[in-house]
Amino acid sequence: MGSDTIFEKIIRKEIPAAIVYEDEHVLAFKDINPQAPIHVLVIPKEKMVSFCDIKDRSTEKMGHFMKGISRAAAELGLEDNGYRIIFNTGSDGQQTVPYIHAHIYGGRQMNWPAG
């Protein structure tokens, strides 16, 4: 199990996290290095390495993941003022953990361009 990512350990509750939403398919928790007043990571409980893996997953599983992201944002009270969802993919995309995760940024006006 030495190749487990930090996210797998968080799912198993081996590492504490400030959980904001959880259901049978996803886990959402506060980022330990927030880049916005609200910065939450949402991960599926079934591992995928990156956004590239979505094409090989069932629509049902991906639907659960997308719904989980939306539900986490609602739980955070972000629906009225809006928020940003970001997927970093691969080294050029600055993905630092080899496990797909969505960043939810909120609580302030977002800037554009994003990158």
C-alpha atoms as a PDB file:
ATOM      1  CA  MET A   1       0.000   0.000   0.000  1.00  0.00           C
ATOM      2  CA  GLY A   2       3.019   2.286  -0.176  1.00  0.00           C
ATOM      3  CA  SER A   3       1.786   3.710  -3.501  1.00  0.00           C
ATOM      4  CA  ASP A   4      -1.454   5.030  -2.024  1.00  0.00           C
ATOM      5  CA  THR A   5      -2.016   8.716  -2.546  1.00  0.00           C
ATOM      6  CA  ILE A   6      -2.900  11.104   0.234  1.00  0.00           C
ATOM      7  CA  PHE A   7      -6.460  11.110  -1.120  1.00  0.00           C
ATOM      8  CA  GLU A   8      -6.841   7.354  -0.697  1.00  0.00           C
ATOM      9  CA  LYS A   9      -5.667   7.727   2.894  1.00  0.00           C
ATOM     10  CA  ILE A  10      -8.183  10.529   3.461  1.00  0.00           C
ATOM     11  CA  ILE A  11     -10.992   8.358   2.037  1.00  0.00           C
ATOM     12  CA  ARG A  12     -10.038   5.580   4.493  1.00  0.00           C
ATOM     13  CA  LYS A  13      -9.899   8.189   7.308  1.00  0.00           C
ATOM     14  CA  GLU A  14      -6.230   7.403   7.970  1.00  0.00           C
ATOM     15  CA  ILE A  15      -5.425  11.090   7.526  1.00  0.00           C
ATOM     16  CA  PRO A  16      -7.789  13.698   8.977  1.00  0.00           C
ATOM     17  CA  ALA A  17      -9.520  16.149   6.693  1.00  0.00           C
ATOM     18  CA  ALA A  18     -12.089  18.898   7.176  1.00  0.00           C
ATOM     19  CA  ILE A  19     -14.904  17.144   5.317  1.00  0.00           C
ATOM     20  CA  VAL A  20     -17.640  19.391   3.941  1.00  0.00           C
ATOM     21  CA  TYR A  21     -19.623  16.789   1.979  1.00  0.00           C
ATOM     22  CA  GLU A  22     -19.588  13.008   1.663  1.00  0.00           C
ATOM     23  CA  ASP A  23     -21.799  10.388   0.098  1.00  0.00           C
ATOM     24  CA  GLU A  24     -21.215   6.853  -1.162  1.00  0.00           C
ATOM     25  CA  HIS A  25     -19.497   8.097  -4.335  1.00  0.00           C
ATOM     26  CA  VAL A  26     -17.526  11.247  -3.435  1.00  0.00           C
ATOM     27  CA  LEU A  27     -15.700  13.006  -0.645  1.00  0.00           C
ATOM     28  CA  ALA A  28     -15.253  16.794  -0.449  1.00  0.00           C
ATOM     29  CA  PHE A  29     -12.858  18.422   1.985  1.00  0.00           C
ATOM     30  CA  LYS A  30     -11.114  21.745   2.580  1.00  0.00           C
ATOM     31  CA  ASP A  31      -7.769  22.247   0.844  1.00  0.00           C
ATOM     32  CA  ILE A  32      -4.899  22.593   3.335  1.00  0.00           C
ATOM     33  CA  ASN A  33      -3.360  25.373   1.204  1.00  0.00           C
ATOM     34  CA  PRO A  34      -6.400  27.427   0.139  1.00  0.00           C
ATOM     35  CA  GLN A  35      -6.133  29.694  -2.878  1.00  0.00           C
ATOM     36  CA  ALA A  36      -9.504  31.381  -2.240  1.00  0.00           C
ATOM     37  CA  PRO A  37     -11.641  32.075   0.835  1.00  0.00           C
ATOM     38  CA  ILE A  38     -13.431  28.817   0.025  1.00  0.00           C
ATOM     39  CA  HIS A  39     -11.240  26.130  -1.529  1.00  0.00           C
ATOM     40  CA  VAL A  40     -12.503  22.566  -1.427  1.00  0.00           C
ATOM     41  CA  LEU A  41     -11.301  19.421  -3.187  1.00  0.00           C
ATOM     42  CA  VAL A  42     -13.825  16.858  -4.418  1.00  0.00           C
ATOM     43  CA  ILE A  43     -12.653  13.328  -5.171  1.00  0.00           C
ATOM     44  CA  PRO A  44     -14.456  10.207  -6.319  1.00  0.00           C
ATOM     45  CA  LYS A  45     -14.152   7.289  -3.932  1.00  0.00           C
ATOM     46  CA  GLU A  46     -13.162   5.084  -6.862  1.00  0.00           C
ATOM     47  CA  LYS A  47      -9.669   6.058  -7.980  1.00  0.00           C
ATOM     48  CA  MET A  48      -8.950   7.629 -11.312  1.00  0.00           C
ATOM     49  CA  VAL A  49      -5.528   9.106 -11.975  1.00  0.00           C
ATOM     50  CA  SER A  50      -6.601  12.163 -13.949  1.00  0.00           C
ATOM     51  CA  PHE A  51      -9.284  13.822 -16.030  1.00  0.00           C
ATOM     52  CA  CYS A  52      -7.965  11.749 -18.953  1.00  0.00           C
ATOM     53  CA  ASP A  53      -9.488   8.644 -17.324  1.00  0.00           C
ATOM     54  CA  ILE A  54     -13.036   9.978 -17.613  1.00  0.00           C
ATOM     55  CA  LYS A  55     -13.353   8.757 -21.199  1.00  0.00           C
ATOM     56  CA  ASP A  56     -12.966   5.169 -19.957  1.00  0.00           C
ATOM     57  CA  ARG A  57     -15.529   5.413 -17.136  1.00  0.00           C
ATOM     58  CA  SER A  58     -19.251   4.884 -17.260  1.00  0.00           C
ATOM     59  CA  THR A  59     -21.541   7.838 -17.670  1.00  0.00           C
ATOM     60  CA  GLU A  60     -23.263   6.763 -14.448  1.00  0.00           C
ATOM     61  CA  LYS A  61     -20.033   6.894 -12.412  1.00  0.00           C
ATOM     62  CA  MET A  62     -19.044  10.239 -13.883  1.00  0.00           C
ATOM     63  CA  GLY A  63     -22.540  11.551 -13.253  1.00  0.00           C
ATOM     64  CA  HIS A  64     -22.178  10.664  -9.571  1.00  0.00           C
ATOM     65  CA  PHE A  65     -18.875  12.549  -9.478  1.00  0.00           C
ATOM     66  CA  MET A  66     -20.336  15.648 -11.170  1.00  0.00           C
ATOM     67  CA  LYS A  67     -23.389  15.579  -8.898  1.00  0.00           C
ATOM     68  CA  GLY A  68     -21.086  15.304  -5.893  1.00  0.00           C
ATOM     69  CA  ILE A  69     -19.217  18.420  -6.990  1.00  0.00           C
ATOM     70  CA  SER A  70     -22.515  20.288  -7.372  1.00  0.00           C
ATOM     71  CA  ARG A  71     -23.789  19.064  -4.003  1.00  0.00           C
ATOM     72  CA  ALA A  72     -20.565  20.084  -2.263  1.00  0.00           C
ATOM     73  CA  ALA A  73     -20.862  23.592  -3.753  1.00  0.00           C
ATOM     74  CA  ALA A  74     -24.462  23.780  -2.540  1.00  0.00           C
ATOM     75  CA  GLU A  75     -23.431  22.603   0.923  1.00  0.00           C
ATOM     76  CA  LEU A  76     -20.870  25.420   0.964  1.00  0.00           C
ATOM     77  CA  GLY A  77     -23.580  27.977   0.122  1.00  0.00           C
ATOM     78  CA  LEU A  78     -21.975  28.971  -3.167  1.00  0.00           C
ATOM     79  CA  GLU A  79     -24.970  28.716  -5.464  1.00  0.00           C
ATOM     80  CA  ASP A  80     -26.125  32.352  -5.163  1.00  0.00           C
ATOM     81  CA  ASN A  81     -22.845  34.140  -5.952  1.00  0.00           C
ATOM     82  CA  GLY A  82     -21.138  31.512  -8.082  1.00  0.00           C
ATOM     83  CA  TYR A  83     -17.865  29.635  -7.943  1.00  0.00           C
ATOM     84  CA  ARG A  84     -15.171  28.125 -10.115  1.00  0.00           C
ATOM     85  CA  ILE A  85     -14.446  24.422 -10.671  1.00  0.00           C
ATOM     86  CA  ILE A  86     -10.941  23.485 -11.775  1.00  0.00           C
ATOM     87  CA  PHE A  87      -9.417  20.163 -12.837  1.00  0.00           C
ATOM     88  CA  ASN A  88      -5.609  20.178 -13.092  1.00  0.00           C
ATOM     89  CA  THR A  89      -4.437  17.416 -15.412  1.00  0.00           C
ATOM     90  CA  GLY A  90      -0.885  16.183 -15.928  1.00  0.00           C
ATOM     91  CA  SER A  91       2.389  17.934 -15.227  1.00  0.00           C
ATOM     92  CA  ASP A  92       1.744  20.891 -17.550  1.00  0.00           C
ATOM     93  CA  GLY A  93      -1.640  21.340 -15.874  1.00  0.00           C
ATOM     94  CA  GLN A  94       0.047  21.402 -12.422  1.00  0.00           C
ATOM     95  CA  GLN A  95      -1.635  18.203 -11.181  1.00  0.00           C
ATOM     96  CA  THR A  96       0.312  17.388  -8.000  1.00  0.00           C
ATOM     97  CA  VAL A  97      -1.557  14.289  -6.792  1.00  0.00           C
ATOM     98  CA  PRO A  98      -2.072  11.401  -9.243  1.00  0.00           C
ATOM     99  CA  TYR A  99      -5.763  11.095  -8.366  1.00  0.00           C
ATOM    100  CA  ILE A 100      -8.503  13.038 -10.130  1.00  0.00           C
ATOM    101  CA  HIS A 101      -9.845  15.892  -8.051  1.00  0.00           C
ATOM    102  CA  ALA A 102     -11.948  18.960  -8.666  1.00  0.00           C
ATOM    103  CA  HIS A 103     -11.075  22.216  -6.956  1.00  0.00           C
ATOM    104  CA  ILE A 104     -14.040  24.374  -5.957  1.00  0.00           C
ATOM    105  CA  TYR A 105     -13.034  28.021  -5.493  1.00  0.00           C
ATOM    106  CA  GLY A 106     -15.480  30.507  -4.052  1.00  0.00           C
ATOM    107  CA  GLY A 107     -16.067  33.305  -1.630  1.00  0.00           C
ATOM    108  CA  ARG A 108     -14.627  36.060  -3.843  1.00  0.00           C
ATOM    109  CA  GLN A 109     -14.767  37.427  -7.375  1.00  0.00           C
ATOM    110  CA  MET A 110     -12.753  35.180  -9.686  1.00  0.00           C
ATOM    111  CA  ASN A 111     -10.296  36.716 -12.145  1.00  0.00           C
ATOM    112  CA  TRP A 112      -9.903  35.978 -15.859  1.00  0.00           C
ATOM    113  CA  PRO A 113      -7.897  34.671 -17.543  1.00  0.00           C
ATOM    114  CA  ALA A 114      -7.578  31.894 -15.001  1.00  0.00           C
ATOM    115  CA  GLY A 115      -4.168  30.535 -15.949  1.00  0.00           C
END
